[in-house]
């Protein structure tokens, strides 16, 4: 009797024949993949080429030129009686910049300006955006337009407007304070930096408010409704629910505000026409302008520009690293 599991002798076991791809069928597949890869690389190149052209033209070439100029300076041989010529001076310009008390004083002024301006800008713009997003404000569109409109005014015009309001004898604001027996000098030693901060806030607060308001519009309604169901009031919802969800926008605004603040130039340059408190080297940017176009020392101006660029990059990198480190525990918890 033959077992049913026994293979009959008439049907010998033979290895299963797997279908094999012949070389003639694999070649078109490889050609298709290569063609798709070439199209992807072509699309990447077409999209990235304008960015790299702008990066090279607007950033790398000027920075390279500044670094090159910073290593050269004018020299007069023969105890100063010979013809002036441009020679390689190495790090002499950098040493002169970093040992110049006026440049270091300008850096200190900008640091004070940043410490006042950046918190007021970020907190003020965020508070206004949360207020508009809460629905409490009537005529929301008109309020947005009114807050954003000063940003459309050029910085020079804004500085001229506020120069009129700060000048004693011309300003109606100072006259109103005088009628109340309050004497105030907006361009004094202790008030000139807050006065410049006021101009910058007036110009840029509405723009950053719009950035925060756009970010708040992306917060899911389900999250807000869940917080209301859990008993959170309007203030608690704004501070503990909405604000953490727009954290990336807050970091972006803070970083751009920092970069803008380090380039402080227009406002103090125009206000310097009305007060002796602001001199020609009030900020690093004014120091660079004075070195290049008043003293005609392009090597010194280039070295100061490179130092200011390094400070800006270092601070921006520090803010980015601090932000990523702060976000790491939250990402790990998810």
C-alpha atoms as a PDB file:
ATOM      1  CA  UNK A   1       0.000   0.000   0.000  1.00  0.00           C
ATOM      2  CA  UNK A   2       1.375   3.296  -0.985  1.00  0.00           C
ATOM      3  CA  UNK A   3       1.308   6.175   1.553  1.00  0.00           C
ATOM      4  CA  UNK A   4      -0.529   9.266   0.301  1.00  0.00           C
ATOM      5  CA  UNK A   5       2.464  11.395   1.359  1.00  0.00           C
ATOM      6  CA  UNK A   6       4.842   9.356  -0.708  1.00  0.00           C
ATOM      7  CA  UNK A   7       5.754  10.823  -4.007  1.00  0.00           C
ATOM      8  CA  UNK A   8       4.949   8.495  -6.797  1.00  0.00           C
ATOM      9  CA  UNK A   9       7.895   7.165  -8.656  1.00  0.00           C
ATOM     10  CA  UNK A  10       6.335   8.292 -11.869  1.00  0.00           C
ATOM     11  CA  UNK A  11       6.447  12.006 -10.689  1.00  0.00           C
ATOM     12  CA  UNK A  12      10.002  12.757  -9.678  1.00  0.00           C
ATOM     13  CA  UNK A  13      10.722  16.002  -7.677  1.00  0.00           C
ATOM     14  CA  UNK A  14      12.193  18.727  -9.764  1.00  0.00           C
ATOM     15  CA  UNK A  15      13.332  22.208  -8.647  1.00  0.00           C
ATOM     16  CA  UNK A  16      10.758  24.971  -9.097  1.00  0.00           C
ATOM     17  CA  UNK A  17      11.517  27.070 -12.062  1.00  0.00           C
ATOM     18  CA  UNK A  18      11.620  30.786 -11.062  1.00  0.00           C
ATOM     19  CA  UNK A  19      10.988  33.332 -13.717  1.00  0.00           C
ATOM     20  CA  UNK A  20      14.208  35.064 -14.651  1.00  0.00           C
ATOM     21  CA  UNK A  21      14.513  38.521 -16.141  1.00  0.00           C
ATOM     22  CA  UNK A  22      16.324  38.361 -19.349  1.00  0.00           C
ATOM     23  CA  UNK A  23      18.966  41.017 -20.125  1.00  0.00           C
ATOM     24  CA  UNK A  24      16.767  42.303 -22.908  1.00  0.00           C
ATOM     25  CA  UNK A  25      13.922  43.096 -20.359  1.00  0.00           C
ATOM     26  CA  UNK A  26      16.177  44.670 -17.635  1.00  0.00           C
ATOM     27  CA  UNK A  27      17.845  47.153 -19.943  1.00  0.00           C
ATOM     28  CA  UNK A  28      14.711  49.259 -20.612  1.00  0.00           C
ATOM     29  CA  UNK A  29      13.956  49.411 -16.848  1.00  0.00           C
ATOM     30  CA  UNK A  30      17.439  50.737 -16.093  1.00  0.00           C
ATOM     31  CA  UNK A  31      17.123  53.256 -18.888  1.00  0.00           C
ATOM     32  CA  UNK A  32      13.785  54.448 -17.464  1.00  0.00           C
ATOM     33  CA  UNK A  33      15.279  54.867 -13.990  1.00  0.00           C
ATOM     34  CA  UNK A  34      18.247  56.795 -15.391  1.00  0.00           C
ATOM     35  CA  UNK A  35      15.923  59.035 -17.354  1.00  0.00           C
ATOM     36  CA  UNK A  36      13.788  59.760 -14.267  1.00  0.00           C
ATOM     37  CA  UNK A  37      16.920  60.470 -12.255  1.00  0.00           C
ATOM     38  CA  UNK A  38      18.156  62.903 -14.897  1.00  0.00           C
ATOM     39  CA  UNK A  39      14.794  64.692 -14.881  1.00  0.00           C
ATOM     40  CA  UNK A  40      14.910  65.029 -11.080  1.00  0.00           C
ATOM     41  CA  UNK A  41      18.450  66.411 -11.169  1.00  0.00           C
ATOM     42  CA  UNK A  42      17.454  68.806 -13.941  1.00  0.00           C
ATOM     43  CA  UNK A  43      14.465  70.057 -11.947  1.00  0.00           C
ATOM     44  CA  UNK A  44      16.618  70.507  -8.818  1.00  0.00           C
ATOM     45  CA  UNK A  45      19.205  72.403 -10.815  1.00  0.00           C
ATOM     46  CA  UNK A  46      16.597  74.675 -12.433  1.00  0.00           C
ATOM     47  CA  UNK A  47      15.003  75.482  -9.060  1.00  0.00           C
ATOM     48  CA  UNK A  48      18.236  75.984  -7.130  1.00  0.00           C
ATOM     49  CA  UNK A  49      20.190  77.938  -9.749  1.00  0.00           C
ATOM     50  CA  UNK A  50      18.502  81.340  -9.043  1.00  0.00           C
ATOM     51  CA  UNK A  51      19.163  80.907  -5.316  1.00  0.00           C
ATOM     52  CA  UNK A  52      22.839  80.126  -5.792  1.00  0.00           C
ATOM     53  CA  UNK A  53      23.230  82.985  -8.290  1.00  0.00           C
ATOM     54  CA  UNK A  54      21.773  85.425  -5.759  1.00  0.00           C
ATOM     55  CA  UNK A  55      23.850  83.893  -2.958  1.00  0.00           C
ATOM     56  CA  UNK A  56      27.063  84.324  -4.926  1.00  0.00           C
ATOM     57  CA  UNK A  57      26.209  87.763  -6.325  1.00  0.00           C
ATOM     58  CA  UNK A  58      24.650  89.398  -3.273  1.00  0.00           C
ATOM     59  CA  UNK A  59      26.498  87.696  -0.415  1.00  0.00           C
ATOM     60  CA  UNK A  60      29.647  85.726  -1.238  1.00  0.00           C
ATOM     61  CA  UNK A  61      31.273  88.205  -3.630  1.00  0.00           C
ATOM     62  CA  UNK A  62      30.736  91.259  -1.327  1.00  0.00           C
ATOM     63  CA  UNK A  63      31.925  89.288   1.704  1.00  0.00           C
ATOM     64  CA  UNK A  64      34.973  88.030  -0.177  1.00  0.00           C
ATOM     65  CA  UNK A  65      35.743  91.570  -1.343  1.00  0.00           C
ATOM     66  CA  UNK A  66      35.435  92.906   2.223  1.00  0.00           C
ATOM     67  CA  UNK A  67      37.741  90.193   3.574  1.00  0.00           C
ATOM     68  CA  UNK A  68      40.256  90.914   0.799  1.00  0.00           C
ATOM     69  CA  UNK A  69      40.202  94.685   1.425  1.00  0.00           C
ATOM     70  CA  UNK A  70      40.590  94.198   5.163  1.00  0.00           C
ATOM     71  CA  UNK A  71      44.123  92.848   4.661  1.00  0.00           C
ATOM     72  CA  UNK A  72      45.285  95.935   2.764  1.00  0.00           C
ATOM     73  CA  UNK A  73      45.797  99.517   3.773  1.00  0.00           C
ATOM     74  CA  UNK A  74      47.333 102.776   2.645  1.00  0.00           C
ATOM     75  CA  UNK A  75      50.928 103.418   3.628  1.00  0.00           C
ATOM     76  CA  UNK A  76      53.372 106.238   2.989  1.00  0.00           C
ATOM     77  CA  UNK A  77      57.030 105.158   2.940  1.00  0.00           C
ATOM     78  CA  UNK A  78      59.889 107.500   3.672  1.00  0.00           C
ATOM     79  CA  UNK A  79      58.699 108.559   7.131  1.00  0.00           C
ATOM     80  CA  UNK A  80      55.366 109.661   5.677  1.00  0.00           C
ATOM     81  CA  UNK A  81      56.810 111.876   2.956  1.00  0.00           C
ATOM     82  CA  UNK A  82      56.623 109.323   0.129  1.00  0.00           C
ATOM     83  CA  UNK A  83      53.710 108.756  -2.231  1.00  0.00           C
ATOM     84  CA  UNK A  84      50.751 106.937  -0.692  1.00  0.00           C
ATOM     85  CA  UNK A  85      50.310 103.375  -1.859  1.00  0.00           C
ATOM     86  CA  UNK A  86      48.217 100.346  -0.949  1.00  0.00           C
ATOM     87  CA  UNK A  87      50.183  97.601   0.771  1.00  0.00           C
ATOM     88  CA  UNK A  88      49.426  94.309   2.507  1.00  0.00           C
ATOM     89  CA  UNK A  89      49.021  94.986   6.233  1.00  0.00           C
ATOM     90  CA  UNK A  90      47.821  91.603   7.483  1.00  0.00           C
ATOM     91  CA  UNK A  91      45.666  91.847  10.598  1.00  0.00           C
ATOM     92  CA  UNK A  92      46.573  95.454  11.382  1.00  0.00           C
ATOM     93  CA  UNK A  93      43.105  96.744  10.497  1.00  0.00           C
ATOM     94  CA  UNK A  94      41.448  94.140  12.728  1.00  0.00           C
ATOM     95  CA  UNK A  95      43.744  95.092  15.609  1.00  0.00           C
ATOM     96  CA  UNK A  96      42.878  98.752  15.095  1.00  0.00           C
ATOM     97  CA  UNK A  97      39.139  98.029  15.058  1.00  0.00           C
ATOM     98  CA  UNK A  98      39.110  95.801  18.121  1.00  0.00           C
ATOM     99  CA  UNK A  99      41.270  98.239  20.118  1.00  0.00           C
ATOM    100  CA  UNK A 100      39.252 101.311  19.129  1.00  0.00           C
ATOM    101  CA  UNK A 101      37.079 102.405  22.096  1.00  0.00           C
ATOM    102  CA  UNK A 102      34.607 104.129  19.766  1.00  0.00           C
ATOM    103  CA  UNK A 103      33.897 100.855  17.925  1.00  0.00           C
ATOM    104  CA  UNK A 104      33.561  98.936  21.196  1.00  0.00           C
ATOM    105  CA  UNK A 105      31.311 101.694  22.527  1.00  0.00           C
ATOM    106  CA  UNK A 106      29.147 101.367  19.413  1.00  0.00           C
ATOM    107  CA  UNK A 107      28.866  97.629  20.013  1.00  0.00           C
ATOM    108  CA  UNK A 108      27.793  98.332  23.587  1.00  0.00           C
ATOM    109  CA  UNK A 109      25.165 100.789  22.352  1.00  0.00           C
ATOM    110  CA  UNK A 110      23.783  98.209  19.930  1.00  0.00           C
ATOM    111  CA  UNK A 111      23.685  95.577  22.678  1.00  0.00           C
ATOM    112  CA  UNK A 112      21.661  97.978  24.876  1.00  0.00           C
ATOM    113  CA  UNK A 113      19.403  98.738  21.928  1.00  0.00           C
ATOM    114  CA  UNK A 114      18.817  94.993  21.316  1.00  0.00           C
ATOM    115  CA  UNK A 115      18.061  94.335  24.993  1.00  0.00           C
ATOM    116  CA  UNK A 116      15.309  96.982  24.909  1.00  0.00           C
ATOM    117  CA  UNK A 117      14.039  96.568  21.364  1.00  0.00           C
ATOM    118  CA  UNK A 118      13.814  92.798  20.792  1.00  0.00           C
ATOM    119  CA  UNK A 119      11.691  91.872  23.863  1.00  0.00           C
ATOM    120  CA  UNK A 120       9.349  94.820  23.275  1.00  0.00           C
ATOM    121  CA  UNK A 121       9.006  93.931  19.601  1.00  0.00           C
ATOM    122  CA  UNK A 122       8.358  90.208  20.068  1.00  0.00           C
ATOM    123  CA  UNK A 123       6.054  90.518  23.088  1.00  0.00           C
ATOM    124  CA  UNK A 124       4.161  93.499  21.683  1.00  0.00           C
ATOM    125  CA  UNK A 125       3.592  91.966  18.245  1.00  0.00           C
ATOM    126  CA  UNK A 126       2.532  88.640  19.766  1.00  0.00           C
ATOM    127  CA  UNK A 127       0.154  90.302  22.214  1.00  0.00           C
ATOM    128  CA  UNK A 128      -1.515  92.285  19.428  1.00  0.00           C
ATOM    129  CA  UNK A 129      -1.835  89.163  17.254  1.00  0.00           C
ATOM    130  CA  UNK A 130      -3.378  87.176  20.115  1.00  0.00           C
ATOM    131  CA  UNK A 131      -5.779  90.055  20.789  1.00  0.00           C
ATOM    132  CA  UNK A 132      -6.897  90.169  17.154  1.00  0.00           C
ATOM    133  CA  UNK A 133      -7.167  86.382  16.972  1.00  0.00           C
ATOM    134  CA  UNK A 134      -9.332  86.233  20.104  1.00  0.00           C
ATOM    135  CA  UNK A 135     -12.185  88.048  18.341  1.00  0.00           C
ATOM    136  CA  UNK A 136     -12.457  90.715  21.046  1.00  0.00           C
ATOM    137  CA  UNK A 137     -11.376  93.513  18.719  1.00  0.00           C
ATOM    138  CA  UNK A 138     -14.054  95.020  16.495  1.00  0.00           C
ATOM    139  CA  UNK A 139     -13.260  96.068  12.928  1.00  0.00           C
ATOM    140  CA  UNK A 140     -10.387  93.605  12.832  1.00  0.00           C
ATOM    141  CA  UNK A 141      -9.393  94.335   9.230  1.00  0.00           C
ATOM    142  CA  UNK A 142      -9.176  98.068   9.880  1.00  0.00           C
ATOM    143  CA  UNK A 143      -7.131  97.438  13.009  1.00  0.00           C
ATOM    144  CA  UNK A 144      -4.701  95.267  11.021  1.00  0.00           C
ATOM    145  CA  UNK A 145      -4.413  97.933   8.336  1.00  0.00           C
ATOM    146  CA  UNK A 146      -3.797 100.665  10.877  1.00  0.00           C
ATOM    147  CA  UNK A 147      -1.072  98.668  12.611  1.00  0.00           C
ATOM    148  CA  UNK A 148       0.586  97.578   9.366  1.00  0.00           C
ATOM    149  CA  UNK A 149       0.481 100.990   7.645  1.00  0.00           C
ATOM    150  CA  UNK A 150       3.612 102.450   9.392  1.00  0.00           C
ATOM    151  CA  UNK A 151       5.667  99.592   7.930  1.00  0.00           C
ATOM    152  CA  UNK A 152       4.861 100.919   4.450  1.00  0.00           C
ATOM    153  CA  UNK A 153       6.534 104.230   5.338  1.00  0.00           C
ATOM    154  CA  UNK A 154      10.239 104.196   4.348  1.00  0.00           C
ATOM    155  CA  UNK A 155      12.658 104.221   7.251  1.00  0.00           C
ATOM    156  CA  UNK A 156      14.106 107.593   6.306  1.00  0.00           C
ATOM    157  CA  UNK A 157      10.658 109.214   6.226  1.00  0.00           C
ATOM    158  CA  UNK A 158       9.783 107.618   9.568  1.00  0.00           C
ATOM    159  CA  UNK A 159      12.968 108.976  11.118  1.00  0.00           C
ATOM    160  CA  UNK A 160      12.228 112.469   9.751  1.00  0.00           C
ATOM    161  CA  UNK A 161       8.694 112.357  11.200  1.00  0.00           C
ATOM    162  CA  UNK A 162       9.948 111.378  14.624  1.00  0.00           C
ATOM    163  CA  UNK A 163      12.834 113.863  14.397  1.00  0.00           C
ATOM    164  CA  UNK A 164      10.158 116.577  14.106  1.00  0.00           C
ATOM    165  CA  UNK A 165       8.306 115.164  17.120  1.00  0.00           C
ATOM    166  CA  UNK A 166      11.513 114.921  19.177  1.00  0.00           C
ATOM    167  CA  UNK A 167      12.898 118.405  18.434  1.00  0.00           C
ATOM    168  CA  UNK A 168      12.269 121.014  21.177  1.00  0.00           C
ATOM    169  CA  UNK A 169      10.531 124.106  19.873  1.00  0.00           C
ATOM    170  CA  UNK A 170       8.933 122.182  17.002  1.00  0.00           C
ATOM    171  CA  UNK A 171       7.351 119.174  18.638  1.00  0.00           C
ATOM    172  CA  UNK A 172       3.703 119.496  19.766  1.00  0.00           C
ATOM    173  CA  UNK A 173       4.300 116.512  22.050  1.00  0.00           C
ATOM    174  CA  UNK A 174       6.986 118.365  24.004  1.00  0.00           C
ATOM    175  CA  UNK A 175       4.721 121.425  24.182  1.00  0.00           C
ATOM    176  CA  UNK A 176       1.927 119.290  25.678  1.00  0.00           C
ATOM    177  CA  UNK A 177       4.328 117.957  28.310  1.00  0.00           C
ATOM    178  CA  UNK A 178       5.503 121.518  29.007  1.00  0.00           C
ATOM    179  CA  UNK A 179       1.912 122.651  29.658  1.00  0.00           C
ATOM    180  CA  UNK A 180       1.733 119.936  32.317  1.00  0.00           C
ATOM    181  CA  UNK A 181       5.037 121.198  33.833  1.00  0.00           C
ATOM    182  CA  UNK A 182       6.865 118.114  32.591  1.00  0.00           C
ATOM    183  CA  UNK A 183      10.227 118.730  30.966  1.00  0.00           C
ATOM    184  CA  UNK A 184      11.422 115.947  28.759  1.00  0.00           C
ATOM    185  CA  UNK A 185      14.281 115.735  26.280  1.00  0.00           C
ATOM    186  CA  UNK A 186      13.778 112.851  23.878  1.00  0.00           C
ATOM    187  CA  UNK A 187      17.311 113.278  22.533  1.00  0.00           C
ATOM    188  CA  UNK A 188      19.154 113.392  25.852  1.00  0.00           C
ATOM    189  CA  UNK A 189      21.938 111.118  26.999  1.00  0.00           C
ATOM    190  CA  UNK A 190      19.621 108.693  28.807  1.00  0.00           C
ATOM    191  CA  UNK A 191      16.644 108.916  26.438  1.00  0.00           C
ATOM    192  CA  UNK A 192      18.158 108.784  22.977  1.00  0.00           C
ATOM    193  CA  UNK A 193      18.319 104.963  22.798  1.00  0.00           C
ATOM    194  CA  UNK A 194      14.665 104.532  23.944  1.00  0.00           C
ATOM    195  CA  UNK A 195      13.707 107.204  21.396  1.00  0.00           C
ATOM    196  CA  UNK A 196      15.377 105.185  18.613  1.00  0.00           C
ATOM    197  CA  UNK A 197      13.664 102.034  19.897  1.00  0.00           C
ATOM    198  CA  UNK A 198      10.335 103.871  19.671  1.00  0.00           C
ATOM    199  CA  UNK A 199      10.934 104.671  15.987  1.00  0.00           C
ATOM    200  CA  UNK A 200      11.842 101.062  15.190  1.00  0.00           C
ATOM    201  CA  UNK A 201       8.794  99.753  17.067  1.00  0.00           C
ATOM    202  CA  UNK A 202       6.502 102.166  15.246  1.00  0.00           C
ATOM    203  CA  UNK A 203       7.858 100.990  11.898  1.00  0.00           C
ATOM    204  CA  UNK A 204       8.029  97.223  12.409  1.00  0.00           C
ATOM    205  CA  UNK A 205       5.486  96.251  15.067  1.00  0.00           C
ATOM    206  CA  UNK A 206       2.613  95.896  12.587  1.00  0.00           C
ATOM    207  CA  UNK A 207       4.614  93.752  10.171  1.00  0.00           C
ATOM    208  CA  UNK A 208       5.598  91.238  12.850  1.00  0.00           C
ATOM    209  CA  UNK A 209       2.041  91.275  14.200  1.00  0.00           C
ATOM    210  CA  UNK A 210       0.838  90.126  10.779  1.00  0.00           C
ATOM    211  CA  UNK A 211       3.405  87.279  10.843  1.00  0.00           C
ATOM    212  CA  UNK A 212       2.136  86.080  14.225  1.00  0.00           C
ATOM    213  CA  UNK A 213      -1.497  86.504  13.216  1.00  0.00           C
ATOM    214  CA  UNK A 214      -0.950  84.353  10.100  1.00  0.00           C
ATOM    215  CA  UNK A 215       0.666  81.667  12.264  1.00  0.00           C
ATOM    216  CA  UNK A 216      -2.271  81.747  14.693  1.00  0.00           C
ATOM    217  CA  UNK A 217      -4.696  81.145  11.822  1.00  0.00           C
ATOM    218  CA  UNK A 218      -2.999  77.756  11.283  1.00  0.00           C
ATOM    219  CA  UNK A 219      -3.734  76.558  14.844  1.00  0.00           C
ATOM    220  CA  UNK A 220      -6.349  73.755  14.593  1.00  0.00           C
ATOM    221  CA  UNK A 221      -9.796  74.713  15.857  1.00  0.00           C
ATOM    222  CA  UNK A 222     -10.085  71.307  17.550  1.00  0.00           C
ATOM    223  CA  UNK A 223      -7.217  72.216  19.882  1.00  0.00           C
ATOM    224  CA  UNK A 224      -8.858  75.496  20.884  1.00  0.00           C
ATOM    225  CA  UNK A 225     -12.229  73.804  21.408  1.00  0.00           C
ATOM    226  CA  UNK A 226     -10.607  71.090  23.537  1.00  0.00           C
ATOM    227  CA  UNK A 227      -8.947  73.698  25.757  1.00  0.00           C
ATOM    228  CA  UNK A 228     -12.289  75.493  26.210  1.00  0.00           C
ATOM    229  CA  UNK A 229     -13.981  72.210  27.100  1.00  0.00           C
ATOM    230  CA  UNK A 230     -11.235  71.577  29.672  1.00  0.00           C
ATOM    231  CA  UNK A 231     -12.096  74.867  31.336  1.00  0.00           C
ATOM    232  CA  UNK A 232      -9.331  77.122  30.033  1.00  0.00           C
ATOM    233  CA  UNK A 233     -10.233  80.789  29.858  1.00  0.00           C
ATOM    234  CA  UNK A 234      -9.271  83.169  27.030  1.00  0.00           C
ATOM    235  CA  UNK A 235      -6.018  84.283  28.670  1.00  0.00           C
ATOM    236  CA  UNK A 236      -4.940  80.751  29.550  1.00  0.00           C
ATOM    237  CA  UNK A 237      -5.818  79.529  26.052  1.00  0.00           C
ATOM    238  CA  UNK A 238      -3.748  82.309  24.519  1.00  0.00           C
ATOM    239  CA  UNK A 239      -0.694  81.811  26.744  1.00  0.00           C
ATOM    240  CA  UNK A 240      -0.620  78.028  27.231  1.00  0.00           C
ATOM    241  CA  UNK A 241      -2.201  76.722  24.031  1.00  0.00           C
ATOM    242  CA  UNK A 242      -1.790  79.167  21.164  1.00  0.00           C
ATOM    243  CA  UNK A 243       1.608  80.629  22.054  1.00  0.00           C
ATOM    244  CA  UNK A 244       3.489  77.275  22.223  1.00  0.00           C
ATOM    245  CA  UNK A 245       1.967  76.275  18.868  1.00  0.00           C
ATOM    246  CA  UNK A 246       3.442  79.356  17.140  1.00  0.00           C
ATOM    247  CA  UNK A 247       6.856  78.979  18.747  1.00  0.00           C
ATOM    248  CA  UNK A 248       8.668  78.565  15.424  1.00  0.00           C
ATOM    249  CA  UNK A 249       7.254  81.911  14.243  1.00  0.00           C
ATOM    250  CA  UNK A 250       8.378  83.553  17.486  1.00  0.00           C
ATOM    251  CA  UNK A 251      11.930  82.274  16.975  1.00  0.00           C
ATOM    252  CA  UNK A 252      11.941  83.443  13.355  1.00  0.00           C
ATOM    253  CA  UNK A 253      10.742  86.941  14.281  1.00  0.00           C
ATOM    254  CA  UNK A 254      13.274  87.156  17.131  1.00  0.00           C
ATOM    255  CA  UNK A 255      16.140  86.155  14.838  1.00  0.00           C
ATOM    256  CA  UNK A 256      15.197  88.556  12.042  1.00  0.00           C
ATOM    257  CA  UNK A 257      14.702  91.334  14.585  1.00  0.00           C
ATOM    258  CA  UNK A 258      18.160  90.632  16.017  1.00  0.00           C
ATOM    259  CA  UNK A 259      19.788  90.806  12.576  1.00  0.00           C
ATOM    260  CA  UNK A 260      17.911  94.033  11.808  1.00  0.00           C
ATOM    261  CA  UNK A 261      18.905  95.564  15.151  1.00  0.00           C
ATOM    262  CA  UNK A 262      22.609  94.837  14.688  1.00  0.00           C
ATOM    263  CA  UNK A 263      22.524  96.912  11.483  1.00  0.00           C
ATOM    264  CA  UNK A 264      21.285 100.028  13.280  1.00  0.00           C
ATOM    265  CA  UNK A 265      22.065 102.996  11.021  1.00  0.00           C
ATOM    266  CA  UNK A 266      19.219 105.052   9.499  1.00  0.00           C
ATOM    267  CA  UNK A 267      17.519 106.335  12.652  1.00  0.00           C
ATOM    268  CA  UNK A 268      20.652 107.472  14.550  1.00  0.00           C
ATOM    269  CA  UNK A 269      22.184 108.902  11.381  1.00  0.00           C
ATOM    270  CA  UNK A 270      19.221 111.257  10.886  1.00  0.00           C
ATOM    271  CA  UNK A 271      18.773 112.029  14.586  1.00  0.00           C
ATOM    272  CA  UNK A 272      22.466 112.974  14.787  1.00  0.00           C
ATOM    273  CA  UNK A 273      21.537 116.174  12.918  1.00  0.00           C
ATOM    274  CA  UNK A 274      19.532 117.325  15.959  1.00  0.00           C
ATOM    275  CA  UNK A 275      21.593 116.229  18.961  1.00  0.00           C
ATOM    276  CA  UNK A 276      25.299 116.038  19.810  1.00  0.00           C
ATOM    277  CA  UNK A 277      24.655 112.884  21.843  1.00  0.00           C
ATOM    278  CA  UNK A 278      24.735 110.825  18.629  1.00  0.00           C
ATOM    279  CA  UNK A 279      28.168 111.095  17.072  1.00  0.00           C
ATOM    280  CA  UNK A 280      29.442 109.707  13.779  1.00  0.00           C
ATOM    281  CA  UNK A 281      30.425 106.386  15.436  1.00  0.00           C
ATOM    282  CA  UNK A 282      27.280 105.829  17.486  1.00  0.00           C
ATOM    283  CA  UNK A 283      26.773 102.280  16.121  1.00  0.00           C
ATOM    284  CA  UNK A 284      29.056  99.819  14.274  1.00  0.00           C
ATOM    285  CA  UNK A 285      27.312 100.572  10.972  1.00  0.00           C
ATOM    286  CA  UNK A 286      27.899 104.309  11.461  1.00  0.00           C
ATOM    287  CA  UNK A 287      31.529 103.547  12.363  1.00  0.00           C
ATOM    288  CA  UNK A 288      31.913 101.662   9.066  1.00  0.00           C
ATOM    289  CA  UNK A 289      30.310 104.511   7.120  1.00  0.00           C
ATOM    290  CA  UNK A 290      32.568 107.065   8.816  1.00  0.00           C
ATOM    291  CA  UNK A 291      35.718 105.016   8.178  1.00  0.00           C
ATOM    292  CA  UNK A 292      34.908 104.468   4.501  1.00  0.00           C
ATOM    293  CA  UNK A 293      33.412 107.795   3.370  1.00  0.00           C
ATOM    294  CA  UNK A 294      34.768 110.349   5.849  1.00  0.00           C
ATOM    295  CA  UNK A 295      38.247 109.026   6.633  1.00  0.00           C
ATOM    296  CA  UNK A 296      38.639 107.148   3.308  1.00  0.00           C
ATOM    297  CA  UNK A 297      40.115 104.177   5.163  1.00  0.00           C
ATOM    298  CA  UNK A 298      38.551 101.311   3.267  1.00  0.00           C
ATOM    299  CA  UNK A 299      40.716  98.659   4.913  1.00  0.00           C
ATOM    300  CA  UNK A 300      39.511  99.729   8.371  1.00  0.00           C
ATOM    301  CA  UNK A 301      35.881  99.850   7.159  1.00  0.00           C
ATOM    302  CA  UNK A 302      36.214  96.386   5.626  1.00  0.00           C
ATOM    303  CA  UNK A 303      37.693  94.967   8.833  1.00  0.00           C
ATOM    304  CA  UNK A 304      34.874  96.480  10.917  1.00  0.00           C
ATOM    305  CA  UNK A 305      32.340  95.049   8.460  1.00  0.00           C
ATOM    306  CA  UNK A 306      33.839  91.568   8.812  1.00  0.00           C
ATOM    307  CA  UNK A 307      33.802  91.838  12.619  1.00  0.00           C
ATOM    308  CA  UNK A 308      30.138  92.908  12.554  1.00  0.00           C
ATOM    309  CA  UNK A 309      29.308  90.039  10.175  1.00  0.00           C
ATOM    310  CA  UNK A 310      31.015  87.519  12.478  1.00  0.00           C
ATOM    311  CA  UNK A 311      29.061  88.876  15.469  1.00  0.00           C
ATOM    312  CA  UNK A 312      25.794  88.595  13.518  1.00  0.00           C
ATOM    313  CA  UNK A 313      26.487  85.031  12.372  1.00  0.00           C
ATOM    314  CA  UNK A 314      27.587  83.960  15.862  1.00  0.00           C
ATOM    315  CA  UNK A 315      24.482  85.400  17.532  1.00  0.00           C
ATOM    316  CA  UNK A 316      22.169  83.914  14.895  1.00  0.00           C
ATOM    317  CA  UNK A 317      23.841  80.522  15.290  1.00  0.00           C
ATOM    318  CA  UNK A 318      23.531  80.782  19.072  1.00  0.00           C
ATOM    319  CA  UNK A 319      19.813  81.554  18.856  1.00  0.00           C
ATOM    320  CA  UNK A 320      19.303  78.612  16.476  1.00  0.00           C
ATOM    321  CA  UNK A 321      21.208  76.181  18.682  1.00  0.00           C
ATOM    322  CA  UNK A 322      19.398  77.348  21.813  1.00  0.00           C
ATOM    323  CA  UNK A 323      16.058  76.935  20.083  1.00  0.00           C
ATOM    324  CA  UNK A 324      16.859  73.439  18.824  1.00  0.00           C
ATOM    325  CA  UNK A 325      18.050  72.407  22.274  1.00  0.00           C
ATOM    326  CA  UNK A 326      14.859  73.757  23.842  1.00  0.00           C
ATOM    327  CA  UNK A 327      12.725  71.840  21.330  1.00  0.00           C
ATOM    328  CA  UNK A 328      14.577  68.546  21.810  1.00  0.00           C
ATOM    329  CA  UNK A 329      12.757  67.446  25.045  1.00  0.00           C
ATOM    330  CA  UNK A 330       9.368  68.141  23.453  1.00  0.00           C
ATOM    331  CA  UNK A 331      10.254  66.126  20.348  1.00  0.00           C
ATOM    332  CA  UNK A 332      11.551  63.258  22.499  1.00  0.00           C
ATOM    333  CA  UNK A 333       8.303  63.274  24.499  1.00  0.00           C
ATOM    334  CA  UNK A 334       6.331  62.840  21.289  1.00  0.00           C
END
